[in-house]
Amino acid sequence: MKKKTKDNQAKEEDDKAELKKKKPKNKFEPVKEDETEKGEEASQSSSAQQPRQNPRKYNELLEKLASITKEGEVRQAISAEIKAGKLEEMELMTVLRMWRQQKRRKMIAENKEKLVQMEGSLEEIKACFSTFVSMLQAQNLS
């Protein structure tokens, strides 16, 4: 067994006393309303600084990109705009995001139109099918 020196004992006692003085922190402290409001204000101000808040700036470019369906081609077109000095490089992702949203809206509108057209033909199919079933039933009864 090793004997503890007086220095080691004194150090251990100091450490224990220091631990007793410190209060354990609660990991989940309640958030005060002032802090949440400050956080919301900070997030609002940071989002106001981002370029995505001004879509009018990109409307002309988005109109050009509307006919393109492949993202790689869109990236090339945006890169050409950057090289021409019309856009900054940090705006690339913003324009891409806006193009994706535009493409998504366009696809949704097209799909809705297809559904509307199918609805009319669906009713016709139901009527034809009902007629066909009734004819089969009439033949089976005969």
Protein backbone atom coordinates (compact mmCIF):
# COMPACT_ATOMS: atom_id res chain seq x y z
CA MET A 1 0.00 0.00 0.00
CA LYS A 2 1.21 3.44 -0.84
CA LYS A 3 1.19 6.11 1.75
CA LYS A 4 -0.33 9.40 0.76
CA THR A 5 1.87 12.34 1.27
CA LYS A 6 0.62 15.38 3.03
CA ASP A 7 0.73 17.36 -0.21
CA ASN A 8 -1.45 14.85 -2.02
CA GLN A 9 -3.93 14.74 0.86
CA ALA A 10 -4.14 18.52 0.98
CA LYS A 11 -4.67 18.66 -2.77
CA GLU A 12 -7.47 16.08 -2.64
CA GLU A 13 -9.18 17.94 0.18
CA ASP A 14 -8.96 21.19 -1.76
CA ASP A 15 -10.48 19.50 -4.82
CA LYS A 16 -13.33 18.09 -2.74
CA ALA A 17 -14.02 21.45 -1.14
CA GLU A 18 -14.00 23.12 -4.54
CA LEU A 19 -16.51 20.60 -5.91
CA LYS A 20 -18.82 21.21 -2.95
CA LYS A 21 -18.75 24.95 -3.56
CA LYS A 22 -19.76 24.63 -7.21
CA LYS A 23 -23.44 24.21 -7.79
CA PRO A 24 -24.36 21.59 -10.36
CA LYS A 25 -25.85 23.21 -13.43
CA ASN A 26 -29.27 22.13 -14.57
CA LYS A 27 -28.92 20.81 -18.10
CA PHE A 28 -32.40 21.90 -19.05
CA GLU A 29 -32.87 25.43 -17.84
CA PRO A 30 -36.14 27.09 -18.78
CA VAL A 31 -35.82 29.61 -21.59
CA LYS A 32 -36.91 33.10 -20.73
CA GLU A 33 -39.27 34.97 -23.05
CA ASP A 34 -36.75 37.75 -23.59
CA GLU A 35 -34.20 35.25 -24.90
CA THR A 36 -36.67 33.71 -27.37
CA GLU A 37 -37.66 37.14 -28.67
CA LYS A 38 -34.00 38.05 -29.14
CA GLY A 39 -33.44 34.80 -31.02
CA GLU A 40 -36.40 35.43 -33.29
CA GLU A 41 -35.27 38.98 -34.01
CA ALA A 42 -31.77 37.76 -34.81
CA SER A 43 -33.05 35.11 -37.19
CA GLN A 44 -35.35 37.61 -38.90
CA SER A 45 -32.57 40.13 -39.38
CA SER A 46 -30.17 37.50 -40.74
CA SER A 47 -32.76 36.24 -43.22
CA ALA A 48 -33.39 39.82 -44.36
CA GLN A 49 -29.73 40.09 -45.32
CA GLN A 50 -29.86 37.04 -47.59
CA PRO A 51 -30.39 37.71 -51.31
CA ARG A 52 -33.40 35.37 -51.57
CA GLN A 53 -35.65 38.11 -50.21
CA ASN A 54 -35.66 39.97 -53.53
CA PRO A 55 -37.07 37.62 -56.19
CA ARG A 56 -37.73 40.49 -58.63
CA LYS A 57 -33.99 40.73 -59.17
CA TYR A 58 -33.97 37.20 -60.60
CA ASN A 59 -37.25 37.22 -62.57
CA GLU A 60 -35.62 37.82 -65.96
CA LEU A 61 -33.09 35.06 -65.40
CA LEU A 62 -35.76 32.67 -64.11
CA GLU A 63 -37.83 33.31 -67.24
CA LYS A 64 -34.83 32.29 -69.34
CA LEU A 65 -34.28 29.19 -67.22
CA ALA A 66 -37.96 28.15 -67.25
CA SER A 67 -37.58 26.19 -70.48
CA ILE A 68 -34.59 24.20 -69.16
CA THR A 69 -35.48 20.94 -67.41
CA LYS A 70 -32.05 19.64 -66.39
CA GLU A 71 -30.31 21.06 -63.35
CA GLY A 72 -26.84 20.71 -64.87
CA GLU A 73 -27.82 22.94 -67.76
CA VAL A 74 -29.30 25.46 -65.34
CA ARG A 75 -26.05 25.52 -63.37
CA GLN A 76 -24.13 26.21 -66.57
CA ALA A 77 -26.48 29.05 -67.52
CA ILE A 78 -26.16 30.60 -64.06
CA SER A 79 -22.36 30.23 -64.19
CA ALA A 80 -22.38 32.08 -67.51
CA GLU A 81 -24.36 34.89 -65.86
CA ILE A 82 -21.79 34.99 -63.05
CA LYS A 83 -18.92 35.19 -65.55
CA ALA A 84 -20.75 37.99 -67.35
CA GLY A 85 -20.86 39.88 -64.05
CA LYS A 86 -24.65 39.95 -63.80
CA LEU A 87 -24.68 37.80 -60.65
CA GLU A 88 -22.36 37.15 -57.74
CA GLU A 89 -21.13 33.64 -57.04
CA MET A 90 -22.93 33.49 -53.69
CA GLU A 91 -26.24 33.95 -55.54
CA LEU A 92 -25.86 30.67 -57.44
CA MET A 93 -27.60 28.55 -54.81
CA THR A 94 -30.34 31.14 -54.36
CA VAL A 95 -31.18 31.15 -58.06
CA LEU A 96 -31.03 27.35 -58.18
CA ARG A 97 -33.44 27.12 -55.24
CA MET A 98 -35.83 29.54 -56.91
CA TRP A 99 -35.59 27.60 -60.20
CA ARG A 100 -36.39 24.34 -58.37
CA GLN A 101 -39.42 25.96 -56.73
CA GLN A 102 -40.58 27.29 -60.09
CA LYS A 103 -40.10 23.87 -61.69
CA ARG A 104 -41.99 22.18 -58.83
CA ARG A 105 -44.92 24.61 -59.16
CA LYS A 106 -45.00 24.06 -62.92
CA MET A 107 -45.05 20.28 -62.50
CA ILE A 108 -47.81 20.47 -59.90
CA ALA A 109 -49.91 22.65 -62.20
CA GLU A 110 -49.37 20.21 -65.09
CA ASN A 111 -50.30 17.24 -62.90
CA LYS A 112 -53.46 19.00 -61.71
CA GLU A 113 -54.43 19.65 -65.31
CA LYS A 114 -53.86 16.00 -66.18
CA LEU A 115 -56.03 14.95 -63.24
CA VAL A 116 -58.83 17.26 -64.36
CA GLN A 117 -58.67 15.78 -67.86
CA MET A 118 -58.56 12.25 -66.47
CA GLU A 119 -61.57 12.91 -64.26
CA GLY A 120 -63.77 13.37 -67.34
CA SER A 121 -62.40 10.25 -68.99
CA LEU A 122 -62.70 8.36 -65.72
CA GLU A 123 -66.42 9.04 -65.62
CA GLU A 124 -66.67 7.82 -69.21
CA ILE A 125 -64.72 4.67 -68.34
CA LYS A 126 -66.99 4.01 -65.36
CA ALA A 127 -70.06 4.35 -67.56
CA CYS A 128 -68.63 2.03 -70.23
CA PHE A 129 -67.58 -0.49 -67.61
CA SER A 130 -71.02 -0.45 -66.00
CA THR A 131 -72.61 -1.01 -69.41
CA PHE A 132 -70.18 -3.86 -70.14
CA VAL A 133 -70.87 -5.53 -66.78
CA SER A 134 -74.62 -5.27 -67.25
CA MET A 135 -74.28 -6.81 -70.75
CA LEU A 136 -72.25 -9.71 -69.33
CA GLN A 137 -74.82 -10.28 -66.60
CA ALA A 138 -77.61 -10.27 -69.19
CA GLN A 139 -75.75 -12.88 -71.29
CA ASN A 140 -75.11 -15.10 -68.27
CA LEU A 141 -78.77 -14.99 -67.30
CA SER A 142 -79.87 -16.04 -70.79
